[in-house]
Amino acid sequence: VPAIAYSRLFPERVRAMVFDGAANPYLSRARGRLPHEEAFARFAAWCAATTACALHGRDVGGVWRELVARADREPIPVRGESPRVAYTGFDLKQAAAPSLISPGAEPEFPRWVELAEAIRRAADGDASGFAGYVRRGSGSPKVPAFIGMSMTHCPDGLGFRDYREYREARREGERLLPNLAGIELWHPLACVGWPTGAGERPGPLPAGKLPPYLGVGSLTDFDQTADLVRRVPGSAAVRFDWFGHGLYNSGVSCVIAHVNRYLTGLRRPAPGTVCPRPAT
């Protein structure tokens, strides 16, 4: 993680630093993915409350878990795809995660509408709803490997040290992420056999030598960001009470104002500062 590495190597050169939806290497992988599990709970509650959800009136969690288990036993095919493409339960989780945490504008929540329909179709034996979403992002009907991300994660020491660490991480994920266990293991597992070798895990921040930081994050990533910056005394964190990732460049005016005040005048927001969700 470049910002953390710089903070550790050159703390005396840091005047101010903002972490915007930052990945936190000091948290366990499963705890870093808790916002995804919380987003699934919000998605299930939305399905229970609106007829726009293709799973309305059904036990969304039950349908989902049964589908994932079945797909892990026998992958769900994408009908009409040649050559043949099929989705395992792991694939389904990876494909669903972005829509869970970014449902689109309320009150329509178009990506949740799409996700519910994709789950319904997959439960009927056709994973084309998931493949259609994935294809729009990558050009392929199957979840990509994201090798480019491994090129940064693996040298940064974010892989597993050994099989024991993997087993411990998997047990924690199964306990904390009943609907999405496994998504936290994806990138670390990709580092197994990585040709450059595993890098060193980041050591503790030299908190006494660093100025207070500012962290900003949404419902998706605030907990990770806040935990990271609060490792430096006097730091502050602003929560955006809605979805999103990378808020400063997303036009969230409240967040932009807090970041600008901090970077220009080192003025930190009060503890517990929240930027409200957009008006509908």
Protein backbone atom coordinates (compact mmCIF):
# COMPACT_ATOMS: atom_id res chain seq x y z
CA VAL A 1 0.00 0.00 0.00
CA PRO A 2 2.01 3.02 -1.24
CA ALA A 3 0.64 5.65 1.17
CA ILE A 4 1.32 3.43 4.17
CA ALA A 5 4.80 2.56 2.90
CA TYR A 6 5.59 6.25 2.44
CA SER A 7 4.26 7.06 5.91
CA ARG A 8 6.50 4.43 7.45
CA LEU A 9 9.61 5.33 5.47
CA PHE A 10 9.41 9.14 5.48
CA PRO A 11 7.12 10.26 8.33
CA GLU A 12 8.98 13.56 8.68
CA ARG A 13 8.03 14.47 5.10
CA VAL A 14 4.29 14.08 5.60
CA ARG A 15 2.42 17.34 6.12
CA ALA A 16 -1.08 15.97 5.46
CA MET A 17 -2.51 12.81 3.96
CA VAL A 18 -6.03 11.78 3.01
CA PHE A 19 -7.16 8.16 2.79
CA ASP A 20 -10.22 7.92 0.55
CA GLY A 21 -11.85 4.48 0.80
CA ALA A 22 -8.45 2.95 1.50
CA ALA A 23 -7.73 -0.76 1.81
CA ASN A 24 -6.57 -1.49 5.35
CA PRO A 25 -3.82 -4.12 5.61
CA TYR A 26 -4.06 -4.12 9.41
CA LEU A 27 -7.57 -5.58 9.48
CA SER A 28 -8.33 -9.24 8.88
CA ARG A 29 -9.59 -10.02 5.41
CA ALA A 30 -13.04 -11.11 6.57
CA ARG A 31 -13.54 -7.97 8.65
CA GLY A 32 -12.54 -5.91 5.67
CA ARG A 33 -15.40 -7.52 3.74
CA LEU A 34 -18.07 -7.05 6.40
CA PRO A 35 -19.58 -4.08 4.50
CA HIS A 36 -20.39 -6.48 1.66
CA GLU A 37 -22.28 -8.76 4.04
CA GLU A 38 -24.10 -5.75 5.47
CA ALA A 39 -24.97 -4.68 1.92
CA PHE A 40 -26.46 -8.12 1.31
CA ALA A 41 -28.70 -7.63 4.34
CA ARG A 42 -29.84 -4.26 2.93
CA PHE A 43 -30.49 -5.90 -0.45
CA ALA A 44 -32.58 -8.64 1.19
CA ALA A 45 -34.56 -6.05 3.17
CA TRP A 46 -35.20 -4.07 -0.02
CA CYS A 47 -36.44 -7.24 -1.73
CA ALA A 48 -38.83 -7.87 1.14
CA ALA A 49 -40.21 -4.33 0.87
CA THR A 50 -40.65 -3.84 -2.88
CA THR A 51 -42.32 -5.72 -5.69
CA ALA A 52 -39.63 -4.49 -8.11
CA CYS A 53 -37.44 -7.25 -6.72
CA ALA A 54 -37.76 -10.50 -8.67
CA LEU A 55 -37.37 -12.37 -5.36
CA HIS A 56 -40.07 -10.41 -3.54
CA GLY A 57 -41.98 -12.62 -1.12
CA ARG A 58 -39.20 -15.19 -0.92
CA ASP A 59 -36.42 -15.82 1.60
CA VAL A 60 -33.68 -14.04 -0.32
CA GLY A 61 -30.87 -15.31 1.89
CA GLY A 62 -32.16 -18.87 1.66
CA VAL A 63 -32.52 -18.73 -2.11
CA TRP A 64 -29.05 -17.28 -2.46
CA ARG A 65 -27.27 -19.75 -0.16
CA GLU A 66 -29.00 -22.72 -1.79
CA LEU A 67 -28.03 -21.41 -5.24
CA VAL A 68 -24.37 -20.93 -4.25
CA ALA A 69 -24.16 -24.39 -2.70
CA ARG A 70 -25.71 -25.98 -5.80
CA ALA A 71 -23.39 -24.05 -8.12
CA ASP A 72 -20.36 -25.23 -6.17
CA ARG A 73 -21.51 -28.82 -6.66
CA GLU A 74 -22.42 -28.32 -10.33
CA PRO A 75 -21.70 -24.93 -11.95
CA ILE A 76 -24.69 -23.07 -13.41
CA PRO A 77 -24.41 -22.76 -17.21
CA VAL A 78 -24.83 -19.57 -19.18
CA ARG A 79 -27.44 -20.56 -21.72
CA GLY A 80 -26.65 -19.83 -25.33
CA GLU A 81 -22.96 -19.20 -24.71
CA SER A 82 -20.45 -20.88 -26.99
CA PRO A 83 -17.96 -22.09 -25.97
CA ARG A 84 -19.71 -23.26 -22.81
CA VAL A 85 -19.44 -21.00 -19.75
CA ALA A 86 -20.67 -21.91 -16.27
CA TYR A 87 -20.65 -20.17 -12.89
CA THR A 88 -19.54 -21.77 -9.63
CA GLY A 89 -20.85 -20.48 -6.33
CA PHE A 90 -17.60 -18.58 -5.92
CA ASP A 91 -18.14 -16.95 -9.32
CA LEU A 92 -21.65 -15.93 -8.35
CA LYS A 93 -20.39 -14.22 -5.18
CA GLN A 94 -17.70 -12.34 -7.07
CA ALA A 95 -20.16 -11.23 -9.74
CA ALA A 96 -22.78 -10.14 -7.20
CA ALA A 97 -20.48 -8.15 -4.89
CA PRO A 98 -20.20 -4.93 -6.97
CA SER A 99 -23.98 -4.66 -7.38
CA LEU A 100 -24.56 -5.28 -3.67
CA ILE A 101 -22.42 -2.34 -2.61
CA SER A 102 -23.41 -0.03 -5.51
CA PRO A 103 -27.16 -0.45 -6.10
CA GLY A 104 -27.57 2.67 -8.19
CA ALA A 105 -29.79 5.68 -7.61
CA GLU A 106 -32.71 5.36 -5.27
CA PRO A 107 -35.56 4.75 -5.21
CA GLU A 108 -35.19 2.54 -8.30
CA PHE A 109 -31.94 0.81 -7.28
CA PRO A 110 -31.45 -0.48 -10.85
CA ARG A 111 -28.48 -2.70 -10.06
CA TRP A 112 -30.36 -4.40 -7.23
CA VAL A 113 -33.25 -4.95 -9.64
CA GLU A 114 -30.82 -6.52 -12.08
CA LEU A 115 -29.15 -8.63 -9.38
CA ALA A 116 -32.44 -10.02 -8.11
CA GLU A 117 -33.43 -11.03 -11.64
CA ALA A 118 -30.02 -12.62 -12.20
CA ILE A 119 -30.39 -14.67 -9.02
CA ARG A 120 -33.90 -15.77 -10.03
CA ARG A 121 -32.70 -16.89 -13.44
CA ALA A 122 -29.66 -18.66 -12.02
CA ALA A 123 -31.89 -20.50 -9.54
CA ASP A 124 -33.82 -21.71 -12.62
CA GLY A 125 -30.59 -22.96 -14.18
CA ASP A 126 -29.35 -20.04 -16.28
CA ALA A 127 -26.47 -17.79 -15.16
CA SER A 128 -26.78 -15.44 -18.13
CA GLY A 129 -27.97 -12.58 -15.91
CA PHE A 130 -24.63 -12.60 -14.09
CA ALA A 131 -22.70 -13.12 -17.33
CA GLY A 132 -24.38 -10.11 -18.92
CA TYR A 133 -23.32 -7.84 -16.08
CA VAL A 134 -19.76 -9.17 -16.05
CA ARG A 135 -19.47 -8.86 -19.84
CA ARG A 136 -20.30 -5.14 -19.68
CA GLY A 137 -17.32 -4.56 -17.43
CA SER A 138 -14.74 -6.89 -18.91
CA GLY A 139 -15.92 -8.01 -22.34
CA SER A 140 -15.96 -11.61 -21.11
CA PRO A 141 -18.94 -13.63 -19.84
CA LYS A 142 -16.85 -15.09 -16.98
CA VAL A 143 -15.51 -13.32 -13.89
CA PRO A 144 -11.97 -12.16 -14.73
CA ALA A 145 -8.83 -13.00 -12.74
CA PHE A 146 -7.72 -9.35 -12.23
CA ILE A 147 -4.04 -10.24 -12.60
CA GLY A 148 -3.19 -6.55 -12.58
CA MET A 149 -4.45 -6.29 -9.01
CA SER A 150 -2.29 -9.23 -8.02
CA MET A 151 0.71 -7.30 -9.33
CA THR A 152 0.18 -4.79 -6.53
CA HIS A 153 -1.29 -7.00 -3.81
CA CYS A 154 1.27 -9.80 -3.93
CA PRO A 155 4.49 -7.74 -3.74
CA ASP A 156 2.85 -5.74 -0.92
CA GLY A 157 2.69 -8.90 1.19
CA LEU A 158 -1.08 -9.31 1.01
CA GLY A 159 -0.98 -13.02 0.18
CA PHE A 160 -1.15 -15.87 2.69
CA ARG A 161 2.02 -16.75 4.58
CA ASP A 162 1.14 -20.43 4.66
CA TYR A 163 -1.70 -22.93 4.59
CA ARG A 164 -2.44 -22.47 8.29
CA GLU A 165 -3.10 -18.74 7.78
CA TYR A 166 -5.37 -19.56 4.85
CA ARG A 167 -7.39 -22.03 6.96
CA GLU A 168 -7.76 -19.48 9.77
CA ALA A 169 -8.88 -16.81 7.32
CA ARG A 170 -11.37 -19.19 5.76
CA ARG A 171 -12.88 -20.14 9.12
CA GLU A 172 -13.25 -16.48 10.06
CA GLY A 173 -14.88 -15.71 6.72
CA GLU A 174 -17.38 -18.55 7.10
CA ARG A 175 -18.27 -17.20 10.54
CA LEU A 176 -18.57 -13.50 9.64
CA LEU A 177 -19.79 -13.70 6.03
CA PRO A 178 -22.58 -16.27 5.86
CA ASN A 179 -23.71 -15.14 2.40
CA LEU A 180 -20.40 -14.13 0.85
CA ALA A 181 -17.68 -16.24 2.47
CA GLY A 182 -14.80 -16.71 0.09
CA ILE A 183 -14.70 -13.30 -1.57
CA GLU A 184 -12.08 -12.23 0.98
CA LEU A 185 -9.81 -15.12 -0.08
CA TRP A 186 -9.78 -14.43 -3.79
CA HIS A 187 -6.85 -12.04 -4.17
CA PRO A 188 -4.60 -13.56 -1.46
CA LEU A 189 -4.97 -16.99 -3.07
CA ALA A 190 -3.87 -15.51 -6.38
CA CYS A 191 -0.48 -14.79 -4.78
CA VAL A 192 0.28 -18.50 -4.33
CA GLY A 193 3.20 -19.20 -6.65
CA TRP A 194 3.45 -15.56 -7.71
CA PRO A 195 6.75 -15.31 -9.60
CA THR A 196 8.16 -12.29 -7.73
CA GLY A 197 7.65 -13.86 -4.32
CA ALA A 198 5.67 -12.47 -1.42
CA GLY A 199 6.57 -9.03 -0.12
CA GLU A 200 6.82 -8.03 3.50
CA ARG A 201 3.64 -7.19 5.41
CA PRO A 202 3.49 -3.52 6.38
CA GLY A 203 4.73 -2.86 9.90
CA PRO A 204 3.00 -0.50 12.35
CA LEU A 205 2.72 3.15 11.46
CA PRO A 206 5.20 5.38 13.35
CA ALA A 207 2.25 7.17 14.92
CA GLY A 208 4.31 9.49 17.12
CA LYS A 209 6.14 10.92 14.12
CA LEU A 210 3.14 11.49 11.84
CA PRO A 211 0.68 14.41 11.67
CA PRO A 212 -3.04 13.69 12.08
CA TYR A 213 -4.57 12.14 8.99
CA LEU A 214 -8.01 12.43 7.42
CA GLY A 215 -10.00 9.46 6.24
CA VAL A 216 -13.20 9.52 4.17
CA GLY A 217 -15.35 6.56 3.27
CA SER A 218 -18.84 5.42 2.35
CA LEU A 219 -21.04 2.72 3.81
CA THR A 220 -18.90 0.36 1.75
CA ASP A 221 -15.45 1.21 3.07
CA PHE A 222 -15.66 3.68 5.98
CA ASP A 223 -14.83 1.18 8.73
CA GLN A 224 -11.59 0.14 7.02
CA THR A 225 -10.54 3.73 6.38
CA ALA A 226 -11.46 4.98 9.85
CA ASP A 227 -9.57 2.15 11.55
CA LEU A 228 -6.51 2.97 9.45
CA VAL A 229 -6.31 6.71 10.13
CA ARG A 230 -7.17 6.39 13.82
CA ARG A 231 -3.92 4.53 14.30
CA VAL A 232 -2.36 8.01 14.16
CA PRO A 233 -3.34 10.22 17.14
CA GLY A 234 -5.55 13.19 16.39
CA SER A 235 -6.74 11.87 13.04
CA ALA A 236 -10.33 12.33 11.87
CA ALA A 237 -12.70 10.35 9.68
CA VAL A 238 -15.79 11.44 7.72
CA ARG A 239 -18.47 8.92 6.80
CA PHE A 240 -20.53 9.40 3.66
CA ASP A 241 -23.93 7.97 4.57
CA TRP A 242 -24.41 6.28 1.22
CA PHE A 243 -22.71 3.99 -1.25
CA GLY A 244 -19.66 4.68 -3.35
CA HIS A 245 -15.89 4.32 -3.50
CA GLY A 246 -13.29 6.98 -4.18
CA LEU A 247 -15.48 9.85 -3.02
CA TYR A 248 -13.34 12.92 -3.73
CA ASN A 249 -13.39 12.38 -7.47
CA SER A 250 -17.04 11.27 -7.46
CA GLY A 251 -18.46 14.73 -6.91
CA VAL A 252 -19.60 14.28 -3.29
CA SER A 253 -19.50 17.98 -2.39
CA CYS A 254 -19.60 17.52 1.38
CA VAL A 255 -16.59 15.19 1.30
CA ILE A 256 -14.73 17.46 -1.12
CA ALA A 257 -15.22 20.42 1.23
CA HIS A 258 -13.83 18.55 4.25
CA VAL A 259 -10.85 17.27 2.27
CA ASN A 260 -10.05 20.72 0.87
CA ARG A 261 -10.19 22.37 4.29
CA TYR A 262 -7.85 19.74 5.67
CA LEU A 263 -5.34 19.84 2.82
CA THR A 264 -5.18 23.64 2.61
CA GLY A 265 -5.48 24.62 6.26
CA LEU A 266 -5.01 21.36 8.21
CA ARG A 267 -8.49 21.83 9.67
CA ARG A 268 -9.98 18.49 10.68
CA PRO A 269 -13.71 17.81 11.01
CA ALA A 270 -15.24 17.14 14.40
CA PRO A 271 -15.46 13.56 15.63
CA GLY A 272 -18.48 11.74 14.26
CA THR A 273 -18.86 13.98 11.20
CA VAL A 274 -21.23 12.47 8.63
CA CYS A 275 -21.93 13.61 5.09
CA PRO A 276 -25.63 12.92 4.39
CA ARG A 277 -26.91 10.69 1.63
CA PRO A 278 -27.96 12.45 -1.58
CA ALA A 279 -31.45 13.88 -1.72
CA THR A 280 -33.88 11.93 -3.89
